[in-house]
Amino acid sequence: MGAFNLGAAAGSVIGSAIVAAGALRWTGLAGAVLSLIGLALTYLVLPRTRTSAKDAAHEASVT
């Protein structure tokens, strides 16, 4: 929950800085870049498990 609030605050600061600079046409690009950064960070944080096809087949037959 804290990361969500931090992201919202950072987006507001960056967006208001862009608006104050008079570069309204760049707000969409800034939003897209921030979204991609969030997606990349989410990918890095999510746990990854490695299972072979043999292990997956065994788990499927057991359950």
N, C-alpha and C. Protein backbone atom coordinates (compact mmCIF):
# COMPACT_ATOMS: atom_id res chain seq x y z
N MET A 1 0.83 -1.19 0.00
CA MET A 1 0.00 0.00 0.00
C MET A 1 0.87 1.25 0.00
N GLY A 2 1.97 1.21 0.70
CA GLY A 2 2.87 2.36 0.74
C GLY A 2 3.47 2.66 -0.62
N ALA A 3 3.81 1.59 -1.37
CA ALA A 3 4.39 1.79 -2.70
C ALA A 3 3.38 2.44 -3.64
N PHE A 4 2.11 2.07 -3.50
CA PHE A 4 1.07 2.68 -4.33
C PHE A 4 0.97 4.17 -4.04
N ASN A 5 0.97 4.53 -2.77
CA ASN A 5 0.88 5.94 -2.40
C ASN A 5 2.13 6.71 -2.85
N LEU A 6 3.29 6.09 -2.74
CA LEU A 6 4.52 6.72 -3.18
C LEU A 6 4.49 6.95 -4.70
N GLY A 7 4.00 5.97 -5.44
CA GLY A 7 3.88 6.12 -6.89
C GLY A 7 2.91 7.22 -7.27
N ALA A 8 1.80 7.31 -6.57
CA ALA A 8 0.82 8.36 -6.86
C ALA A 8 1.41 9.74 -6.56
N ALA A 9 2.14 9.84 -5.47
CA ALA A 9 2.76 11.12 -5.12
C ALA A 9 3.83 11.50 -6.12
N ALA A 10 4.66 10.54 -6.52
CA ALA A 10 5.72 10.83 -7.49
C ALA A 10 5.12 11.23 -8.84
N GLY A 11 4.07 10.54 -9.26
CA GLY A 11 3.41 10.90 -10.51
C GLY A 11 2.81 12.30 -10.46
N SER A 12 2.27 12.66 -9.32
CA SER A 12 1.70 14.00 -9.17
C SER A 12 2.77 15.08 -9.24
N VAL A 13 3.90 14.81 -8.61
CA VAL A 13 5.00 15.78 -8.64
C VAL A 13 5.54 15.93 -10.05
N ILE A 14 5.77 14.81 -10.72
CA ILE A 14 6.31 14.87 -12.09
C ILE A 14 5.31 15.53 -13.03
N GLY A 15 4.04 15.16 -12.90
CA GLY A 15 3.01 15.75 -13.75
C GLY A 15 2.87 17.25 -13.53
N SER A 16 2.90 17.67 -12.28
CA SER A 16 2.77 19.11 -12.02
C SER A 16 4.00 19.87 -12.49
N ALA A 17 5.17 19.25 -12.43
CA ALA A 17 6.38 19.90 -12.94
C ALA A 17 6.29 20.07 -14.46
N ILE A 18 5.76 19.07 -15.14
CA ILE A 18 5.60 19.16 -16.59
C ILE A 18 4.59 20.24 -16.95
N VAL A 19 3.49 20.29 -16.23
CA VAL A 19 2.47 21.31 -16.49
C VAL A 19 3.02 22.70 -16.20
N ALA A 20 3.76 22.85 -15.10
CA ALA A 20 4.32 24.16 -14.75
C ALA A 20 5.34 24.63 -15.79
N ALA A 21 6.03 23.67 -16.43
CA ALA A 21 7.00 24.03 -17.47
C ALA A 21 6.30 24.38 -18.78
N GLY A 22 5.00 24.15 -18.87
CA GLY A 22 4.25 24.48 -20.07
C GLY A 22 4.36 23.42 -21.16
N ALA A 23 4.78 22.23 -20.80
CA ALA A 23 4.95 21.16 -21.78
C ALA A 23 3.83 20.14 -21.65
N LEU A 24 2.61 20.60 -21.83
CA LEU A 24 1.45 19.72 -21.64
C LEU A 24 1.44 18.54 -22.60
N ARG A 25 2.03 18.69 -23.76
CA ARG A 25 2.02 17.58 -24.73
C ARG A 25 2.85 16.40 -24.27
N TRP A 26 3.72 16.57 -23.28
CA TRP A 26 4.59 15.49 -22.81
C TRP A 26 4.01 14.73 -21.62
N THR A 27 2.84 15.12 -21.13
CA THR A 27 2.27 14.43 -19.97
C THR A 27 1.91 12.98 -20.29
N GLY A 28 1.41 12.72 -21.48
CA GLY A 28 1.07 11.35 -21.86
C GLY A 28 2.31 10.47 -21.94
N LEU A 29 3.38 11.00 -22.52
CA LEU A 29 4.63 10.25 -22.61
C LEU A 29 5.20 9.99 -21.23
N ALA A 30 5.15 10.97 -20.36
CA ALA A 30 5.65 10.78 -19.00
C ALA A 30 4.84 9.70 -18.28
N GLY A 31 3.54 9.69 -18.48
CA GLY A 31 2.70 8.66 -17.87
C GLY A 31 3.04 7.28 -18.39
N ALA A 32 3.28 7.18 -19.69
CA ALA A 32 3.64 5.89 -20.28
C ALA A 32 4.98 5.39 -19.75
N VAL A 33 5.94 6.29 -19.64
CA VAL A 33 7.26 5.90 -19.13
C VAL A 33 7.16 5.45 -17.67
N LEU A 34 6.40 6.18 -16.87
CA LEU A 34 6.23 5.78 -15.47
C LEU A 34 5.51 4.44 -15.36
N SER A 35 4.57 4.18 -16.24
CA SER A 35 3.88 2.89 -16.22
C SER A 35 4.83 1.75 -16.57
N LEU A 36 5.68 1.97 -17.56
CA LEU A 36 6.66 0.95 -17.93
C LEU A 36 7.67 0.70 -16.81
N ILE A 37 8.06 1.75 -16.12
CA ILE A 37 8.97 1.59 -14.98
C ILE A 37 8.29 0.77 -13.90
N GLY A 38 7.02 1.05 -13.64
CA GLY A 38 6.28 0.27 -12.64
C GLY A 38 6.15 -1.19 -13.04
N LEU A 39 5.91 -1.43 -14.32
CA LEU A 39 5.81 -2.81 -14.81
C LEU A 39 7.14 -3.54 -14.66
N ALA A 40 8.24 -2.86 -14.98
CA ALA A 40 9.56 -3.47 -14.84
C ALA A 40 9.88 -3.77 -13.37
N LEU A 41 9.55 -2.86 -12.48
CA LEU A 41 9.80 -3.10 -11.06
C LEU A 41 8.95 -4.25 -10.53
N THR A 42 7.73 -4.35 -11.00
CA THR A 42 6.88 -5.46 -10.59
C THR A 42 7.46 -6.79 -11.05
N TYR A 43 7.97 -6.83 -12.28
CA TYR A 43 8.59 -8.05 -12.80
C TYR A 43 9.80 -8.44 -11.96
N LEU A 44 10.58 -7.45 -11.54
CA LEU A 44 11.77 -7.75 -10.74
C LEU A 44 11.44 -8.24 -9.34
N VAL A 45 10.32 -7.78 -8.80
CA VAL A 45 9.97 -8.11 -7.41
C VAL A 45 9.26 -9.45 -7.30
N LEU A 46 8.48 -9.83 -8.33
CA LEU A 46 7.72 -11.07 -8.25
C LEU A 46 8.64 -12.28 -8.15
N PRO A 47 8.28 -13.23 -7.30
CA PRO A 47 9.12 -14.42 -7.18
C PRO A 47 9.01 -15.30 -8.42
N ARG A 48 10.09 -15.89 -8.77
CA ARG A 48 10.11 -16.79 -9.92
C ARG A 48 10.41 -18.19 -9.43
N THR A 49 9.63 -19.16 -9.90
CA THR A 49 9.88 -20.55 -9.56
C THR A 49 10.21 -21.29 -10.82
N ARG A 50 11.14 -22.21 -10.69
CA ARG A 50 11.51 -23.02 -11.84
C ARG A 50 11.05 -24.44 -11.59
N THR A 51 10.21 -24.91 -12.47
CA THR A 51 9.77 -26.30 -12.40
C THR A 51 9.96 -26.90 -13.78
N SER A 52 10.42 -28.08 -13.79
CA SER A 52 10.58 -28.75 -15.07
C SER A 52 9.24 -29.32 -15.51
N ALA A 53 9.14 -29.72 -16.74
CA ALA A 53 7.91 -30.29 -17.26
C ALA A 53 7.61 -31.61 -16.54
N LYS A 54 8.65 -32.34 -16.17
CA LYS A 54 8.46 -33.60 -15.47
C LYS A 54 7.85 -33.38 -14.09
N ASP A 55 8.34 -32.36 -13.37
CA ASP A 55 7.78 -32.04 -12.06
C ASP A 55 6.34 -31.57 -12.17
N ALA A 56 6.04 -30.77 -13.18
CA ALA A 56 4.68 -30.26 -13.37
C ALA A 56 3.73 -31.41 -13.68
N ALA A 57 4.17 -32.36 -14.49
CA ALA A 57 3.33 -33.52 -14.82
C ALA A 57 3.09 -34.37 -13.59
N HIS A 58 4.11 -34.50 -12.75
CA HIS A 58 3.97 -35.30 -11.53
C HIS A 58 2.97 -34.63 -10.57
N GLU A 59 3.07 -33.30 -10.43
CA GLU A 59 2.15 -32.59 -9.56
C GLU A 59 0.72 -32.71 -10.08
N ALA A 60 0.53 -32.68 -11.37
CA ALA A 60 -0.81 -32.78 -11.96
C ALA A 60 -1.41 -34.15 -11.73
N SER A 61 -0.57 -35.18 -11.76
CA SER A 61 -1.10 -36.54 -11.58
C SER A 61 -1.39 -36.83 -10.12
N VAL A 62 -0.70 -36.17 -9.21
CA VAL A 62 -0.91 -36.40 -7.77
C VAL A 62 -2.20 -35.78 -7.30
N THR A 63 -2.53 -34.60 -7.81
CA THR A 63 -3.73 -33.88 -7.34
C THR A 63 -4.97 -34.31 -8.04
